[in-house]
N, C-alpha and C. Protein backbone atom coordinates (compact mmCIF):
# COMPACT_ATOMS: atom_id res chain seq x y z
N MET A 1 -4.29 -1.59 -1.65
CA MET A 1 -3.41 -0.45 -1.75
C MET A 1 -2.14 -0.89 -2.49
N ASN A 2 -1.82 -0.20 -3.58
CA ASN A 2 -0.59 -0.56 -4.29
C ASN A 2 0.60 0.11 -3.60
N ASP A 3 1.81 -0.18 -4.10
CA ASP A 3 3.02 0.34 -3.45
C ASP A 3 3.06 1.86 -3.41
N GLU A 4 2.62 2.51 -4.48
CA GLU A 4 2.63 3.97 -4.53
C GLU A 4 1.64 4.56 -3.52
N GLU A 5 0.46 3.98 -3.46
CA GLU A 5 -0.55 4.44 -2.49
C GLU A 5 -0.07 4.21 -1.05
N PHE A 6 0.60 3.07 -0.84
CA PHE A 6 1.14 2.76 0.48
C PHE A 6 2.19 3.79 0.88
N GLN A 7 3.09 4.13 -0.04
CA GLN A 7 4.11 5.12 0.26
C GLN A 7 3.49 6.49 0.56
N THR A 8 2.47 6.86 -0.18
CA THR A 8 1.76 8.12 0.08
C THR A 8 1.12 8.10 1.47
N TYR A 9 0.52 6.96 1.83
CA TYR A 9 -0.08 6.81 3.15
C TYR A 9 0.98 6.95 4.25
N ILE A 10 2.10 6.27 4.08
CA ILE A 10 3.19 6.38 5.05
C ILE A 10 3.65 7.83 5.17
N ASP A 11 3.88 8.49 4.04
CA ASP A 11 4.35 9.87 4.06
C ASP A 11 3.37 10.80 4.78
N THR A 12 2.09 10.61 4.51
CA THR A 12 1.05 11.42 5.16
C THR A 12 1.06 11.18 6.67
N CYS A 13 1.15 9.92 7.07
CA CYS A 13 1.16 9.57 8.50
C CYS A 13 2.42 10.09 9.18
N LEU A 14 3.56 10.02 8.49
CA LEU A 14 4.80 10.53 9.08
C LEU A 14 4.77 12.04 9.23
N ASP A 15 4.19 12.74 8.27
CA ASP A 15 4.05 14.20 8.38
C ASP A 15 3.20 14.55 9.60
N GLU A 16 2.12 13.83 9.80
CA GLU A 16 1.23 14.08 10.93
C GLU A 16 1.94 13.70 12.25
N LEU A 17 2.66 12.60 12.25
CA LEU A 17 3.43 12.20 13.43
C LEU A 17 4.43 13.29 13.79
N GLU A 18 5.15 13.80 12.80
CA GLU A 18 6.14 14.85 13.04
C GLU A 18 5.48 16.10 13.64
N ARG A 19 4.33 16.48 13.11
CA ARG A 19 3.60 17.64 13.63
C ARG A 19 3.19 17.41 15.09
N LYS A 20 2.67 16.23 15.37
CA LYS A 20 2.24 15.92 16.73
C LYS A 20 3.42 15.86 17.69
N GLN A 21 4.52 15.25 17.23
CA GLN A 21 5.71 15.16 18.09
C GLN A 21 6.28 16.54 18.38
N GLN A 22 6.27 17.42 17.39
CA GLN A 22 6.78 18.78 17.59
C GLN A 22 5.92 19.51 18.63
N HIS A 23 4.62 19.29 18.59
CA HIS A 23 3.73 19.88 19.59
C HIS A 23 4.10 19.39 20.99
N LEU A 24 4.39 18.09 21.13
CA LEU A 24 4.77 17.54 22.43
C LEU A 24 6.10 18.12 22.91
N ILE A 25 7.02 18.33 21.99
CA ILE A 25 8.31 18.94 22.33
C ILE A 25 8.09 20.38 22.80
N ASP A 26 7.33 21.14 22.03
CA ASP A 26 7.10 22.55 22.34
C ASP A 26 6.28 22.75 23.61
N THR A 27 5.29 21.91 23.81
CA THR A 27 4.35 22.10 24.93
C THR A 27 4.83 21.46 26.22
N PHE A 28 5.42 20.27 26.12
CA PHE A 28 5.74 19.51 27.32
C PHE A 28 7.23 19.23 27.50
N GLY A 29 8.06 19.61 26.54
CA GLY A 29 9.49 19.37 26.66
C GLY A 29 9.93 17.95 26.36
N PHE A 30 9.15 17.27 25.51
CA PHE A 30 9.56 15.91 25.16
C PHE A 30 10.99 15.91 24.63
N GLY A 31 11.74 14.89 25.01
CA GLY A 31 13.15 14.79 24.63
C GLY A 31 14.07 15.27 25.73
N SER A 32 13.52 15.85 26.79
CA SER A 32 14.35 16.40 27.86
C SER A 32 14.21 15.64 29.18
N PHE A 33 13.47 14.55 29.20
CA PHE A 33 13.23 13.83 30.45
C PHE A 33 14.35 12.85 30.73
N ASP A 34 14.56 12.59 32.03
CA ASP A 34 15.62 11.67 32.46
C ASP A 34 15.20 10.22 32.31
N LYS A 35 13.94 9.96 32.60
CA LYS A 35 13.47 8.57 32.55
C LYS A 35 11.95 8.55 32.46
N PHE A 36 11.43 7.35 32.34
CA PHE A 36 9.99 7.15 32.26
C PHE A 36 9.61 6.00 33.18
N GLU A 37 8.37 5.97 33.57
CA GLU A 37 7.80 4.83 34.28
C GLU A 37 6.41 4.61 33.70
N HIS A 38 5.89 3.43 33.90
CA HIS A 38 4.54 3.15 33.44
C HIS A 38 3.77 2.42 34.52
N ASP A 39 2.47 2.56 34.46
CA ASP A 39 1.56 1.82 35.32
C ASP A 39 0.54 1.20 34.37
N PHE A 40 0.77 -0.06 34.04
CA PHE A 40 -0.09 -0.72 33.05
C PHE A 40 -1.50 -0.90 33.57
N GLU A 41 -1.68 -1.03 34.88
CA GLU A 41 -3.03 -1.16 35.43
C GLU A 41 -3.84 0.12 35.17
N LYS A 42 -3.20 1.27 35.31
CA LYS A 42 -3.87 2.56 35.06
C LYS A 42 -3.77 2.97 33.59
N GLU A 43 -2.98 2.20 32.82
CA GLU A 43 -2.73 2.49 31.40
C GLU A 43 -2.12 3.87 31.23
N GLU A 44 -1.12 4.18 32.09
CA GLU A 44 -0.48 5.49 32.08
C GLU A 44 1.04 5.38 31.97
N LEU A 45 1.59 6.42 31.39
CA LEU A 45 3.04 6.59 31.26
C LEU A 45 3.40 7.89 31.97
N TYR A 46 4.51 7.88 32.69
CA TYR A 46 4.97 9.05 33.43
C TYR A 46 6.36 9.42 32.95
N LEU A 47 6.57 10.71 32.67
CA LEU A 47 7.87 11.20 32.24
C LEU A 47 8.47 12.01 33.38
N ILE A 48 9.73 11.69 33.67
CA ILE A 48 10.36 12.14 34.91
C ILE A 48 11.64 12.92 34.61
N LYS A 49 11.82 14.00 35.36
CA LYS A 49 13.06 14.78 35.30
C LYS A 49 13.41 15.18 36.73
N ASN A 50 14.67 15.00 37.09
CA ASN A 50 15.13 15.31 38.45
C ASN A 50 14.25 14.63 39.51
N ASP A 51 13.92 13.37 39.25
CA ASP A 51 13.11 12.54 40.15
C ASP A 51 11.70 13.06 40.41
N LYS A 52 11.20 13.91 39.53
CA LYS A 52 9.83 14.41 39.65
C LYS A 52 9.06 14.05 38.39
N ILE A 53 7.85 13.54 38.59
CA ILE A 53 6.96 13.28 37.45
C ILE A 53 6.47 14.62 36.94
N LEU A 54 6.77 14.92 35.68
CA LEU A 54 6.37 16.19 35.09
C LEU A 54 5.23 16.06 34.09
N VAL A 55 5.13 14.88 33.45
CA VAL A 55 4.11 14.67 32.43
C VAL A 55 3.54 13.27 32.60
N LYS A 56 2.23 13.17 32.39
CA LYS A 56 1.61 11.84 32.36
C LYS A 56 0.73 11.76 31.13
N ALA A 57 0.47 10.53 30.70
CA ALA A 57 -0.37 10.31 29.52
C ALA A 57 -1.02 8.95 29.62
N LYS A 58 -2.20 8.84 29.05
CA LYS A 58 -2.83 7.54 28.85
C LYS A 58 -2.15 6.90 27.64
N ILE A 59 -1.97 5.59 27.69
CA ILE A 59 -1.23 4.92 26.62
C ILE A 59 -1.95 3.69 26.09
N ILE A 60 -1.62 3.39 24.86
CA ILE A 60 -1.85 2.07 24.27
C ILE A 60 -0.51 1.68 23.65
N PRO A 61 0.05 0.55 24.07
CA PRO A 61 1.31 0.13 23.45
C PRO A 61 1.09 -0.26 21.99
N ILE A 62 2.00 0.21 21.14
CA ILE A 62 1.91 -0.10 19.72
C ILE A 62 2.68 -1.39 19.43
N GLY A 63 3.93 -1.41 19.85
CA GLY A 63 4.75 -2.59 19.62
C GLY A 63 6.16 -2.34 20.12
N SER A 64 7.00 -3.33 19.91
CA SER A 64 8.39 -3.21 20.35
C SER A 64 9.32 -3.57 19.19
N PHE A 65 10.44 -2.84 19.16
CA PHE A 65 11.45 -3.07 18.13
C PHE A 65 12.74 -3.50 18.81
N ASN A 66 13.23 -4.68 18.43
CA ASN A 66 14.49 -5.18 18.96
C ASN A 66 15.61 -4.72 18.03
N THR A 67 16.47 -3.85 18.54
CA THR A 67 17.53 -3.26 17.71
C THR A 67 18.60 -4.28 17.31
N GLU A 68 18.74 -5.33 18.09
CA GLU A 68 19.75 -6.34 17.80
C GLU A 68 19.31 -7.28 16.67
N SER A 69 18.06 -7.74 16.76
CA SER A 69 17.58 -8.72 15.78
C SER A 69 16.84 -8.06 14.61
N GLY A 70 16.48 -6.76 14.75
CA GLY A 70 15.73 -6.09 13.70
C GLY A 70 14.32 -6.63 13.56
N THR A 71 13.71 -6.96 14.70
CA THR A 71 12.36 -7.52 14.66
C THR A 71 11.38 -6.62 15.41
N TRP A 72 10.18 -6.61 14.90
CA TRP A 72 9.06 -5.86 15.48
C TRP A 72 8.06 -6.87 16.02
N MET A 73 7.55 -6.62 17.22
CA MET A 73 6.45 -7.43 17.75
C MET A 73 5.32 -6.48 18.10
N TRP A 74 4.14 -6.77 17.55
CA TRP A 74 2.96 -5.97 17.87
C TRP A 74 2.60 -6.18 19.33
N SER A 75 2.18 -5.13 19.98
CA SER A 75 1.85 -5.23 21.41
C SER A 75 0.64 -6.13 21.65
N TRP A 76 -0.27 -6.22 20.68
CA TRP A 76 -1.42 -7.10 20.86
C TRP A 76 -1.00 -8.57 20.94
N ALA A 77 0.22 -8.86 20.51
CA ALA A 77 0.73 -10.24 20.54
C ALA A 77 1.74 -10.46 21.67
N ASN A 78 2.04 -9.42 22.43
CA ASN A 78 3.10 -9.48 23.44
C ASN A 78 2.50 -9.68 24.82
N GLU A 79 2.71 -10.86 25.38
CA GLU A 79 2.11 -11.19 26.67
C GLU A 79 2.76 -10.44 27.84
N ALA A 80 3.77 -9.62 27.56
CA ALA A 80 4.34 -8.76 28.60
C ALA A 80 3.34 -7.66 28.99
N PHE A 81 2.39 -7.40 28.12
CA PHE A 81 1.36 -6.39 28.40
C PHE A 81 0.11 -7.08 28.95
N PRO A 82 -0.58 -6.41 29.88
CA PRO A 82 -1.82 -6.99 30.41
C PRO A 82 -2.87 -7.18 29.30
N LYS A 83 -3.76 -8.10 29.56
CA LYS A 83 -4.79 -8.46 28.58
C LYS A 83 -5.59 -7.24 28.11
N GLY A 84 -5.94 -6.35 29.05
CA GLY A 84 -6.73 -5.17 28.69
C GLY A 84 -6.01 -4.28 27.68
N LEU A 85 -4.73 -4.05 27.90
CA LEU A 85 -3.96 -3.23 26.95
C LEU A 85 -3.78 -3.95 25.62
N ARG A 86 -3.55 -5.25 25.66
CA ARG A 86 -3.43 -6.02 24.41
C ARG A 86 -4.73 -5.93 23.62
N GLY A 87 -5.85 -5.97 24.32
CA GLY A 87 -7.15 -5.86 23.66
C GLY A 87 -7.33 -4.52 22.98
N LYS A 88 -6.93 -3.44 23.65
CA LYS A 88 -7.02 -2.11 23.04
C LYS A 88 -6.08 -1.98 21.86
N ALA A 89 -4.90 -2.58 21.97
CA ALA A 89 -3.92 -2.53 20.89
C ALA A 89 -4.37 -3.34 19.67
N ALA A 90 -5.28 -4.28 19.87
CA ALA A 90 -5.76 -5.11 18.76
C ALA A 90 -6.43 -4.27 17.68
N LYS A 91 -6.86 -3.06 18.02
CA LYS A 91 -7.43 -2.15 17.02
C LYS A 91 -6.44 -1.90 15.88
N LEU A 92 -5.14 -2.01 16.20
CA LEU A 92 -4.11 -1.76 15.19
C LEU A 92 -4.08 -2.83 14.09
N LYS A 93 -4.76 -3.93 14.31
CA LYS A 93 -4.88 -4.94 13.26
C LYS A 93 -5.62 -4.38 12.05
N GLU A 94 -6.34 -3.27 12.26
CA GLU A 94 -7.03 -2.62 11.15
C GLU A 94 -6.06 -2.18 10.05
N LEU A 95 -4.81 -2.01 10.41
CA LEU A 95 -3.82 -1.61 9.39
C LEU A 95 -3.71 -2.65 8.28
N LYS A 96 -3.96 -3.91 8.60
CA LYS A 96 -3.94 -4.95 7.56
C LYS A 96 -5.04 -4.68 6.53
N ALA A 97 -6.23 -4.34 7.01
CA ALA A 97 -7.35 -4.06 6.10
C ALA A 97 -7.12 -2.75 5.34
N VAL A 98 -6.58 -1.75 6.03
CA VAL A 98 -6.34 -0.44 5.41
C VAL A 98 -5.31 -0.55 4.29
N THR A 99 -4.21 -1.26 4.58
CA THR A 99 -3.10 -1.32 3.62
C THR A 99 -3.16 -2.52 2.68
N GLY A 100 -3.77 -3.60 3.15
CA GLY A 100 -3.77 -4.83 2.37
C GLY A 100 -2.49 -5.64 2.52
N PHE A 101 -1.62 -5.22 3.44
CA PHE A 101 -0.34 -5.92 3.63
C PHE A 101 -0.43 -6.88 4.82
N GLU A 102 0.00 -8.11 4.57
CA GLU A 102 -0.06 -9.20 5.53
C GLU A 102 0.72 -8.90 6.81
N MET A 103 1.83 -8.17 6.71
CA MET A 103 2.69 -7.95 7.89
C MET A 103 1.96 -7.26 9.03
N PHE A 104 0.88 -6.55 8.72
CA PHE A 104 0.13 -5.85 9.76
C PHE A 104 -0.82 -6.77 10.52
N GLY A 105 -0.92 -8.01 10.07
CA GLY A 105 -1.72 -9.00 10.78
C GLY A 105 -0.89 -10.07 11.45
N ASN A 106 0.42 -10.09 11.17
CA ASN A 106 1.33 -11.06 11.77
C ASN A 106 1.81 -10.55 13.12
N ASP A 107 2.08 -11.47 14.04
CA ASP A 107 2.57 -11.09 15.38
C ASP A 107 3.90 -10.34 15.31
N MET A 108 4.77 -10.78 14.37
CA MET A 108 6.12 -10.22 14.27
C MET A 108 6.49 -9.95 12.82
N ALA A 109 7.49 -9.08 12.65
CA ALA A 109 7.99 -8.78 11.31
C ALA A 109 9.45 -8.34 11.43
N GLU A 110 10.20 -8.56 10.37
CA GLU A 110 11.57 -8.05 10.30
C GLU A 110 11.52 -6.67 9.67
N ILE A 111 12.00 -5.67 10.41
CA ILE A 111 11.96 -4.28 9.95
C ILE A 111 13.22 -3.56 10.41
N ASP A 112 13.33 -2.27 10.05
CA ASP A 112 14.39 -1.43 10.61
C ASP A 112 13.73 -0.36 11.48
N GLU A 113 14.56 0.46 12.15
CA GLU A 113 13.99 1.44 13.08
C GLU A 113 13.15 2.50 12.36
N ASP A 114 13.53 2.85 11.13
CA ASP A 114 12.71 3.80 10.38
C ASP A 114 11.30 3.25 10.20
N MET A 115 11.20 1.97 9.89
CA MET A 115 9.87 1.36 9.72
C MET A 115 9.11 1.31 11.04
N ALA A 116 9.82 1.17 12.17
CA ALA A 116 9.15 1.20 13.48
C ALA A 116 8.44 2.54 13.66
N TRP A 117 9.11 3.63 13.23
CA TRP A 117 8.48 4.95 13.32
C TRP A 117 7.34 5.10 12.31
N GLU A 118 7.49 4.49 11.13
CA GLU A 118 6.41 4.52 10.14
C GLU A 118 5.18 3.79 10.68
N ILE A 119 5.41 2.63 11.30
CA ILE A 119 4.31 1.87 11.91
C ILE A 119 3.65 2.71 13.01
N SER A 120 4.48 3.41 13.78
CA SER A 120 3.94 4.26 14.85
C SER A 120 3.07 5.38 14.27
N GLY A 121 3.51 5.97 13.17
CA GLY A 121 2.71 7.01 12.52
C GLY A 121 1.40 6.47 12.00
N MET A 122 1.43 5.30 11.38
CA MET A 122 0.19 4.69 10.89
C MET A 122 -0.72 4.31 12.05
N SER A 123 -0.13 3.88 13.16
CA SER A 123 -0.91 3.52 14.34
C SER A 123 -1.62 4.74 14.91
N LEU A 124 -0.93 5.88 14.93
CA LEU A 124 -1.57 7.11 15.39
C LEU A 124 -2.76 7.47 14.50
N ASP A 125 -2.62 7.21 13.20
CA ASP A 125 -3.72 7.48 12.28
C ASP A 125 -4.94 6.64 12.64
N ILE A 126 -4.72 5.37 12.97
CA ILE A 126 -5.82 4.47 13.33
C ILE A 126 -6.43 4.86 14.68
N LEU A 127 -5.57 5.19 15.66
CA LEU A 127 -6.04 5.48 17.02
C LEU A 127 -6.48 6.93 17.21
N ASP A 128 -5.98 7.82 16.37
CA ASP A 128 -6.23 9.26 16.50
C ASP A 128 -5.77 9.77 17.87
N PHE A 129 -4.53 9.39 18.25
CA PHE A 129 -3.94 9.81 19.51
C PHE A 129 -3.03 11.02 19.28
N GLU A 130 -2.47 11.54 20.39
CA GLU A 130 -1.73 12.81 20.36
C GLU A 130 -0.25 12.68 20.00
N GLY A 131 0.32 11.51 20.15
CA GLY A 131 1.74 11.35 19.84
C GLY A 131 2.25 10.00 20.26
N VAL A 132 3.57 9.83 20.13
CA VAL A 132 4.22 8.55 20.40
C VAL A 132 5.38 8.78 21.37
N TYR A 133 5.54 7.86 22.29
CA TYR A 133 6.73 7.85 23.14
C TYR A 133 7.49 6.57 22.85
N ARG A 134 8.78 6.72 22.55
CA ARG A 134 9.65 5.56 22.36
C ARG A 134 10.40 5.35 23.66
N ALA A 135 10.14 4.23 24.31
CA ALA A 135 10.73 3.92 25.61
C ALA A 135 11.84 2.89 25.43
N PRO A 136 13.09 3.32 25.55
CA PRO A 136 14.20 2.38 25.39
C PRO A 136 14.36 1.49 26.63
N ALA A 137 14.59 0.22 26.40
CA ALA A 137 14.86 -0.74 27.47
C ALA A 137 15.90 -1.72 26.95
N ASN A 138 17.16 -1.40 27.19
CA ASN A 138 18.28 -2.18 26.66
C ASN A 138 18.22 -2.23 25.14
N LYS A 139 18.15 -3.43 24.56
CA LYS A 139 18.16 -3.54 23.09
C LYS A 139 16.76 -3.47 22.48
N THR A 140 15.75 -3.25 23.31
CA THR A 140 14.38 -3.18 22.83
C THR A 140 13.82 -1.78 23.05
N HIS A 141 13.17 -1.24 22.04
CA HIS A 141 12.48 0.04 22.15
C HIS A 141 10.98 -0.23 22.08
N TYR A 142 10.26 0.22 23.10
CA TYR A 142 8.81 0.07 23.15
C TYR A 142 8.18 1.36 22.65
N PHE A 143 7.21 1.24 21.77
CA PHE A 143 6.52 2.40 21.22
C PHE A 143 5.11 2.44 21.79
N TYR A 144 4.77 3.60 22.37
CA TYR A 144 3.47 3.80 22.99
C TYR A 144 2.74 4.94 22.31
N ALA A 145 1.48 4.73 21.95
CA ALA A 145 0.62 5.83 21.51
C ALA A 145 0.09 6.51 22.75
N MET A 146 0.05 7.83 22.74
CA MET A 146 -0.36 8.59 23.92
C MET A 146 -1.55 9.49 23.62
N GLU A 147 -2.41 9.60 24.62
CA GLU A 147 -3.51 10.57 24.59
C GLU A 147 -3.64 11.15 25.98
N GLN A 148 -4.41 12.21 26.10
CA GLN A 148 -4.59 12.91 27.37
C GLN A 148 -3.24 13.26 28.00
N VAL A 149 -2.32 13.72 27.17
CA VAL A 149 -1.00 14.14 27.65
C VAL A 149 -1.18 15.40 28.47
N ALA A 150 -0.61 15.42 29.68
CA ALA A 150 -0.81 16.56 30.56
C ALA A 150 0.38 16.78 31.48
N SER A 151 0.63 18.03 31.78
CA SER A 151 1.63 18.37 32.79
C SER A 151 1.09 17.97 34.15
N VAL A 152 2.00 17.55 35.02
CA VAL A 152 1.62 17.17 36.37
C VAL A 152 2.06 18.30 37.30
N ASN A 153 1.13 18.88 38.00
CA ASN A 153 1.43 19.95 38.95
C ASN A 153 1.52 19.35 40.35
N LEU A 154 2.72 19.33 40.88
CA LEU A 154 2.91 18.75 42.22
C LEU A 154 2.79 19.80 43.28
C-alpha cells in the first residue's frame, strides 16, 4: 500500500468509525457516563452513570496511548491484559499485512492521539466491531473495540 492508498484507507476507516460512534451516542448516550469498569475475565466493559451500570459490551482491547510520552502499545503486547484477550487482540497484527507498514507489527510506536483514533478505526475494520471506547486512566488512554453493546435493564 503506497502513502496515498494508506491515507484513503485511514479516511475510509475514520468515516466508518465516526458513523459507528454516532450510533453509540444516539442509541446508548455514549459521552454521558460518569465512569467505566471492566471485567477482563468476562471480556466485558460496563458504562456507569449515577452509580448504575447502564451499558455493557464485549470487548477486545486495541491498545493504549500514553499522552505524556506519545507512545502507543498494542494490547497484544501488553501483559496487563489476560492471555485470552491478548490472543484475541493479536488479530490486529493483520494490519501489518493489510497496510505493509512495519509499525503495525511492532509492540510499540511513537504516535499522537489523532493516530490512536486512526489505529482504532483501522482495528474496527479488521474486527468488524460496533465501536470504540476510550478509557482514560491518568496519563494513559486505553482503547477498546466493542461488540454486543447493550443497555442494561436493572
